C-alpha cells in the first residue's frame, strides 16, 4: 500500500534553493534575500534546512546571511528557478519505507527553460541527506504544488493544471488519475474546476487555491468583493468545496482566507499574492504576508485551525514578483527521510 504523507506530519527537513545575482530575482535580489534569510532562520528554529546553491562562493555568501549554520546542509547544484516545490522529490510511504519519486518537470508547460530543474533530483541524490536512498524516475509530468494530500488517500487538485495538454497531452483524465493512484496511493481524487489567480503561471496550482489543514479541514482563497475580477471564479470554487465530502461522508470544515489588495509588477501586471501558500513545519505554520490589512485576518484564521502550532508571518511581497510565494519556494520531507 502506498501513502502520500500530509504536510502536517512530522518532518525531517525543508529544502529551498537560494536565489543568485544571475537569476530571475537579480533586479531585487537584496529584498528577496532578506525574505530568504527570515525563512531560513525560522525553519532552523524547528528542524533541519537544506539549501541548494550554485557553488562554494555562493554558499559562503549565504552563510553570512543566516544564523544557525549547524542546522543547515548546503547542496551545490544549478537550477533554472527557485520554486523547488515543483522540481524536487515527492516522497511516499510504501510497506513502511519511503520511496523517493522523481517526476518529470517541463517548466510549467514549457513556459520557461527547465533542463537544470528537471535534472535537479539526480543532483540531490548524491547529496549527504539523500545519499544511499534509491529514487524512482517516473515518466509523468507532475509538480508538487499541483497536488494536496490529506495523508489518508485523498488528493485535492485542479483540472486546469493536471488535465492541461501542456503537461501530459496524450493522457486522458482516467489515465492521469491512474498515475495518481499508482504513484501517490490515491484512493480518491477531488477535482476542482478552477482557473488560476491573476499572474499565476502554473495553470492553477492547488497550493495557491485550497489547502488541507487536517483531514477534515480545507483553507481556501476567497473573495467577497464583487468588483474584484476574481470574485465569480473564487465563488464558484467555494461552491465546489461545499459539495466535497470527507471520506466518512461529512462536509469539510471550510476556512475562507481573504485576498490581499492587488499587487502589480513594474509593467502594471497583476501578481498572484495569496495566503493559501502557507507552509506547515514541525510545530509552526509559516504564513506569507504582504503588508496588507488582510495579513492579520489570514493569520488569525489559520491560528484557529492550527491551535498546536505557532503561526509565524513571513513578509513575502518580494517573492510574488516571480509569480510564487512561500509554499512554492519550499519542499518538506517526512521524518523517515532523516539522514
Protein backbone atom coordinates (compact mmCIF):
# COMPACT_ATOMS: atom_id res chain seq x y z
CA UNK A 1 0.00 0.00 0.00
CA UNK A 2 1.31 3.46 -0.98
CA UNK A 3 0.59 6.56 1.11
CA UNK A 4 1.37 10.20 0.34
CA UNK A 5 2.04 11.83 3.75
CA UNK A 6 0.25 15.03 4.70
CA UNK A 7 2.28 18.18 5.24
CA UNK A 8 1.37 18.43 8.93
CA UNK A 9 3.05 15.10 9.74
CA UNK A 10 6.44 15.07 11.45
CA UNK A 11 9.20 16.30 9.16
CA UNK A 12 12.92 15.67 8.82
CA UNK A 13 13.83 18.76 6.81
CA UNK A 14 12.76 21.51 4.45
CA UNK A 15 14.60 22.30 1.21
CA UNK A 16 14.96 25.68 -0.50
CA UNK A 17 17.05 26.94 -3.44
CA UNK A 18 18.76 30.27 -2.77
CA UNK A 19 18.44 32.97 -5.47
CA UNK A 20 21.54 34.50 -7.02
CA UNK A 21 22.62 37.58 -8.95
CA UNK A 22 22.24 35.99 -12.40
CA UNK A 23 18.77 34.57 -11.72
CA UNK A 24 15.25 35.90 -12.18
CA UNK A 25 15.40 37.93 -8.95
CA UNK A 26 18.53 39.85 -9.99
CA UNK A 27 16.64 43.18 -10.10
CA UNK A 28 15.51 42.85 -6.46
CA UNK A 29 17.98 40.36 -5.04
CA UNK A 30 18.60 42.25 -1.77
CA UNK A 31 14.94 42.29 -0.74
CA UNK A 32 14.43 38.67 -1.80
CA UNK A 33 17.47 37.56 0.17
CA UNK A 34 16.09 39.36 3.22
CA UNK A 35 12.95 37.24 2.88
CA UNK A 36 15.02 34.10 2.39
CA UNK A 37 17.10 34.87 5.47
CA UNK A 38 13.96 35.21 7.60
CA UNK A 39 12.60 31.94 6.23
CA UNK A 40 15.90 30.11 6.75
CA UNK A 41 16.31 31.36 10.32
CA UNK A 42 12.70 30.50 11.14
CA UNK A 43 12.85 26.95 9.77
CA UNK A 44 16.12 26.16 11.54
CA UNK A 45 14.49 27.01 14.87
CA UNK A 46 12.36 23.90 14.35
CA UNK A 47 14.18 21.49 12.03
CA UNK A 48 16.91 20.89 9.52
CA UNK A 49 17.18 23.07 6.42
CA UNK A 50 18.68 22.04 3.09
CA UNK A 51 19.84 24.90 0.86
CA UNK A 52 20.57 24.39 -2.81
CA UNK A 53 23.13 26.92 -4.01
CA UNK A 54 25.37 27.37 -7.04
CA UNK A 55 28.85 26.71 -5.66
CA UNK A 56 31.24 27.30 -2.78
CA UNK A 57 31.32 31.06 -3.37
CA UNK A 58 27.53 31.26 -3.29
CA UNK A 59 27.47 29.13 -0.14
CA UNK A 60 29.88 31.43 1.69
CA UNK A 61 27.71 34.40 0.72
CA UNK A 62 24.61 32.69 2.11
CA UNK A 63 26.38 31.71 5.32
CA UNK A 64 26.80 35.41 6.10
CA UNK A 65 23.03 35.90 5.86
CA UNK A 66 21.80 33.05 8.08
CA UNK A 67 22.22 32.31 11.77
CA UNK A 68 22.12 28.60 12.70
CA UNK A 69 24.70 27.05 10.37
CA UNK A 70 24.73 23.78 12.32
CA UNK A 71 21.14 23.11 11.26
CA UNK A 72 21.83 23.70 7.55
CA UNK A 73 23.16 21.39 4.87
CA UNK A 74 24.26 23.01 1.61
CA UNK A 75 23.88 21.27 -1.74
CA UNK A 76 25.64 22.59 -4.83
CA UNK A 77 23.51 22.28 -7.96
CA UNK A 78 22.38 24.51 -10.84
CA UNK A 79 18.70 25.44 -11.03
CA UNK A 80 16.64 27.41 -13.54
CA UNK A 81 14.10 28.55 -10.94
CA UNK A 82 13.94 28.61 -7.15
CA UNK A 83 10.46 27.08 -6.96
CA UNK A 84 11.59 23.72 -5.58
CA UNK A 85 8.05 22.69 -4.57
CA UNK A 86 7.62 21.70 -8.20
CA UNK A 87 11.04 20.26 -9.03
CA UNK A 88 12.20 18.13 -6.09
CA UNK A 89 11.32 14.63 -4.95
CA UNK A 90 7.83 13.76 -3.81
CA UNK A 91 8.07 11.14 -1.08
CA UNK A 92 5.56 8.40 -0.37
CA UNK A 93 5.45 5.53 2.08
CA UNK A 94 5.24 2.00 0.77
CA UNK A 95 5.34 -1.02 3.06
CA UNK A 96 6.87 1.04 5.85
CA UNK A 97 9.65 2.53 3.73
CA UNK A 98 9.99 5.83 1.90
CA UNK A 99 10.03 5.98 -1.88
CA UNK A 100 11.69 8.98 -3.50
CA UNK A 101 9.69 9.82 -6.61
CA UNK A 102 11.34 11.83 -9.38
CA UNK A 103 8.52 13.02 -11.62
CA UNK A 104 9.30 14.86 -14.83
CA UNK A 105 9.21 18.66 -14.92
CA UNK A 106 8.71 20.73 -18.08
CA UNK A 107 8.77 24.33 -16.89
CA UNK A 108 5.04 24.56 -16.11
CA UNK A 109 4.06 23.59 -19.63
CA UNK A 110 7.29 24.64 -21.39
CA UNK A 111 6.85 28.29 -20.42
CA UNK A 112 10.46 28.56 -19.22
CA UNK A 113 13.83 26.83 -19.51
CA UNK A 114 13.75 23.73 -17.35
CA UNK A 115 16.69 21.42 -18.13
CA UNK A 116 18.52 22.07 -14.83
CA UNK A 117 15.31 21.86 -12.81
CA UNK A 118 14.32 18.58 -14.41
CA UNK A 119 17.79 17.21 -13.59
CA UNK A 120 17.83 18.54 -10.01
CA UNK A 121 16.79 15.32 -8.27
CA UNK A 122 19.69 13.42 -9.80
CA UNK A 123 21.98 16.05 -8.27
CA UNK A 124 20.20 15.82 -4.92
CA UNK A 125 20.55 12.04 -4.91
CA UNK A 126 24.30 12.45 -4.41
CA UNK A 127 23.97 14.91 -1.52
CA UNK A 128 24.50 13.84 2.09
CA UNK A 129 20.83 13.99 3.11
CA UNK A 130 19.73 11.77 0.23
CA UNK A 131 22.84 9.61 -0.16
CA UNK A 132 22.15 5.91 -0.42
CA UNK A 133 18.38 6.37 -0.87
CA UNK A 134 17.02 4.81 -4.03
CA UNK A 135 14.94 7.11 -6.18
CA UNK A 136 12.44 6.22 -8.86
CA UNK A 137 12.29 8.08 -12.17
CA UNK A 138 8.70 8.37 -13.37
CA UNK A 139 7.77 9.21 -16.94
CA UNK A 140 4.93 11.51 -15.95
CA UNK A 141 4.93 15.29 -15.52
CA UNK A 142 3.79 16.33 -12.04
CA UNK A 143 4.60 19.34 -9.88
CA UNK A 144 4.40 19.20 -6.09
CA UNK A 145 2.38 22.40 -5.93
CA UNK A 146 -0.36 20.84 -8.04
CA UNK A 147 -1.42 18.16 -5.55
CA UNK A 148 -2.59 18.29 -1.92
CA UNK A 149 -2.73 15.18 0.26
CA UNK A 150 -4.67 14.55 3.46
CA UNK A 151 -2.35 11.66 4.30
CA UNK A 152 -5.27 9.24 4.16
CA UNK A 153 -5.59 8.68 0.42
CA UNK A 154 -7.43 11.82 -0.70
CA UNK A 155 -5.75 14.01 -3.33
CA UNK A 156 -7.04 17.54 -3.99
CA UNK A 157 -6.06 19.10 -7.32
CA UNK A 158 -7.28 21.21 -10.25
CA UNK A 159 -8.26 20.06 -13.71
CA UNK A 160 -6.93 23.35 -15.09
CA UNK A 161 -3.41 22.14 -14.26
CA UNK A 162 -3.32 18.36 -14.30
CA UNK A 163 -5.51 17.98 -17.37
CA UNK A 164 -3.77 20.77 -19.24
CA UNK A 165 -2.40 19.47 -22.57
CA UNK A 166 0.84 21.36 -21.94
CA UNK A 167 1.81 18.67 -19.40
CA UNK A 168 0.79 15.11 -20.29
CA UNK A 169 -1.00 15.85 -23.54
CA UNK A 170 -1.55 12.27 -24.69
CA UNK A 171 -3.17 11.09 -21.45
CA UNK A 172 -6.87 11.08 -20.66
CA UNK A 173 -8.31 12.12 -17.30
CA UNK A 174 -8.69 8.43 -16.42
CA UNK A 175 -5.06 7.73 -17.28
CA UNK A 176 -3.88 10.69 -15.22
CA UNK A 177 -5.97 9.51 -12.29
CA UNK A 178 -4.37 6.08 -12.67
CA UNK A 179 -0.93 7.70 -12.32
CA UNK A 180 -2.01 9.33 -9.05
CA UNK A 181 -3.39 6.04 -7.80
CA UNK A 182 -0.27 4.09 -8.75
CA UNK A 183 2.39 6.52 -7.59
CA UNK A 184 0.73 8.51 -4.78
CA UNK A 185 -1.62 5.84 -3.47
CA UNK A 186 -4.71 7.95 -4.17
CA UNK A 187 -7.94 6.32 -3.06
CA UNK A 188 -9.99 9.21 -4.35
CA UNK A 189 -9.30 12.46 -6.18
CA UNK A 190 -11.17 15.71 -5.59
CA UNK A 191 -11.05 17.74 -8.80
CA UNK A 192 -11.59 21.49 -8.64
CA UNK A 193 -12.68 23.08 -11.90
CA UNK A 194 -10.81 26.26 -11.17
CA UNK A 195 -8.76 28.76 -13.15
CA UNK A 196 -5.59 30.36 -11.89
CA UNK A 197 -5.25 33.60 -9.96
CA UNK A 198 -4.18 36.63 -11.97
CA UNK A 199 -0.44 36.47 -12.54
CA UNK A 200 -0.16 32.76 -11.69
CA UNK A 201 1.76 30.97 -14.45
CA UNK A 202 1.36 27.46 -13.02
CA UNK A 203 -2.09 26.92 -14.56
CA UNK A 204 -3.87 26.97 -11.20
CA UNK A 205 -1.70 25.08 -8.75
CA UNK A 206 -3.80 23.89 -5.86
CA UNK A 207 -1.40 25.38 -3.30
CA UNK A 208 -2.50 28.88 -4.31
CA UNK A 209 -6.18 27.99 -4.02
CA UNK A 210 -7.12 25.33 -1.45
CA UNK A 211 -5.10 23.51 1.21
CA UNK A 212 -5.72 20.63 3.56
CA UNK A 213 -5.08 21.75 7.15
CA UNK A 214 -6.12 18.35 8.51
CA UNK A 215 -8.13 15.50 7.03
CA UNK A 216 -11.43 17.33 7.61
CA UNK A 217 -10.46 21.00 7.08
CA UNK A 218 -9.65 22.93 3.91
CA UNK A 219 -8.44 26.53 3.92
CA UNK A 220 -9.11 28.26 0.62
CA UNK A 221 -8.57 31.52 -1.22
CA UNK A 222 -11.75 33.59 -1.18
CA UNK A 223 -13.01 36.95 -2.34
CA UNK A 224 -16.04 38.89 -1.09
CA UNK A 225 -15.51 41.99 -3.24
CA UNK A 226 -17.90 41.70 -6.17
CA UNK A 227 -15.84 44.25 -8.12
CA UNK A 228 -12.73 42.09 -7.92
CA UNK A 229 -12.01 40.15 -11.15
CA UNK A 230 -11.53 37.00 -9.05
CA UNK A 231 -14.93 37.19 -7.39
CA UNK A 232 -17.03 34.98 -9.65
CA UNK A 233 -14.29 32.39 -10.16
CA UNK A 234 -13.50 32.02 -6.47
CA UNK A 235 -17.18 31.96 -5.58
CA UNK A 236 -17.62 29.00 -7.94
CA UNK A 237 -14.68 27.33 -6.25
CA UNK A 238 -16.30 27.88 -2.84
CA UNK A 239 -19.47 26.19 -4.07
CA UNK A 240 -17.47 23.21 -5.32
CA UNK A 241 -15.67 22.91 -1.98
CA UNK A 242 -19.03 22.95 -0.20
CA UNK A 243 -20.09 19.92 -2.24
CA UNK A 244 -16.96 17.91 -1.44
CA UNK A 245 -17.22 15.36 1.35
CA UNK A 246 -14.67 13.74 3.63
CA UNK A 247 -14.02 10.03 3.35
CA UNK A 248 -16.66 9.46 6.02
CA UNK A 249 -19.24 11.49 4.08
CA UNK A 250 -19.20 14.70 6.12
CA UNK A 251 -18.84 18.23 4.70
CA UNK A 252 -15.39 19.70 5.06
CA UNK A 253 -14.74 22.45 7.58
CA UNK A 254 -14.00 25.31 5.18
CA UNK A 255 -11.84 28.27 6.20
CA UNK A 256 -12.02 31.26 3.87
CA UNK A 257 -8.75 33.16 3.50
CA UNK A 258 -9.14 36.65 2.03
CA UNK A 259 -7.15 38.04 -0.86
CA UNK A 260 -4.77 40.92 -0.16
CA UNK A 261 -5.18 44.04 -2.23
CA UNK A 262 -3.81 43.50 -5.75
CA UNK A 263 -0.05 43.74 -6.16
CA UNK A 264 1.38 44.71 -9.55
CA UNK A 265 4.80 44.46 -11.14
CA UNK A 266 6.73 47.22 -12.91
CA UNK A 267 4.68 46.69 -16.06
CA UNK A 268 1.43 47.01 -14.12
CA UNK A 269 0.74 43.29 -14.48
CA UNK A 270 -1.02 41.56 -11.52
CA UNK A 271 0.91 39.23 -9.25
CA UNK A 272 -0.57 36.13 -7.55
CA UNK A 273 -0.34 37.13 -3.87
CA UNK A 274 -2.45 34.89 -1.65
CA UNK A 275 -2.49 33.38 1.85
CA UNK A 276 -3.17 29.77 0.86
CA UNK A 277 0.52 29.44 0.06
CA UNK A 278 1.42 28.82 3.73
CA UNK A 279 3.97 26.19 4.84
CA UNK A 280 3.40 23.74 7.69
CA UNK A 281 6.56 22.62 9.53
CA UNK A 282 7.19 20.95 12.89
CA UNK A 283 5.21 22.92 15.50
CA UNK A 284 4.80 26.03 13.32
CA UNK A 285 2.95 27.37 10.30
CA UNK A 286 4.71 29.98 8.18
CA UNK A 287 2.17 32.32 6.60
CA UNK A 288 3.02 34.65 3.70
CA UNK A 289 2.09 38.27 4.34
CA UNK A 290 2.25 41.26 2.02
CA UNK A 291 1.99 44.43 4.12
CA UNK A 292 -1.77 44.38 3.73
CA UNK A 293 -4.68 44.82 6.14
CA UNK A 294 -5.77 41.26 5.34
CA UNK A 295 -2.49 39.85 6.70
CA UNK A 296 -3.84 39.80 10.26
CA UNK A 297 -7.19 38.35 9.15
CA UNK A 298 -5.49 35.43 7.42
CA UNK A 299 -3.07 34.72 10.26
CA UNK A 300 -5.87 34.74 12.84
CA UNK A 301 -7.96 32.34 10.78
CA UNK A 302 -5.04 29.94 10.39
CA UNK A 303 -4.22 30.24 14.10
CA UNK A 304 -7.70 28.91 14.86
CA UNK A 305 -7.12 25.95 12.54
CA UNK A 306 -3.65 25.13 13.91
CA UNK A 307 -4.00 25.56 17.70
CA UNK A 308 -0.95 23.38 18.40
CA UNK A 309 1.29 25.34 16.03
CA UNK A 310 2.94 28.72 16.30
CA UNK A 311 1.73 30.99 13.49
CA UNK A 312 4.66 32.91 12.02
CA UNK A 313 4.00 35.70 9.49
CA UNK A 314 6.68 35.89 6.78
CA UNK A 315 6.94 39.02 4.56
CA UNK A 316 6.70 37.62 1.03
CA UNK A 317 5.91 40.62 -1.14
CA UNK A 318 9.28 40.37 -2.98
CA UNK A 319 8.67 36.70 -3.86
CA UNK A 320 5.45 37.27 -5.79
CA UNK A 321 7.34 39.30 -8.37
CA UNK A 322 8.40 35.94 -9.79
CA UNK A 323 4.83 34.57 -9.53
CA UNK A 324 5.19 32.40 -6.44
CA UNK A 325 5.23 32.64 -2.67
CA UNK A 326 6.26 30.80 0.49
CA UNK A 327 4.94 27.30 -0.19
CA UNK A 328 6.17 27.36 -3.79
CA UNK A 329 9.78 28.00 -2.76
CA UNK A 330 9.96 25.21 -0.16
CA UNK A 331 9.64 21.44 -0.03
CA UNK A 332 9.28 19.48 3.19
CA UNK A 333 10.45 15.89 3.63
CA UNK A 334 8.82 13.47 6.10
CA UNK A 335 10.55 12.27 9.25
CA UNK A 336 11.51 8.90 7.76
CA UNK A 337 13.79 10.73 5.34
CA UNK A 338 16.08 11.77 8.20
CA UNK A 339 19.64 11.24 7.04
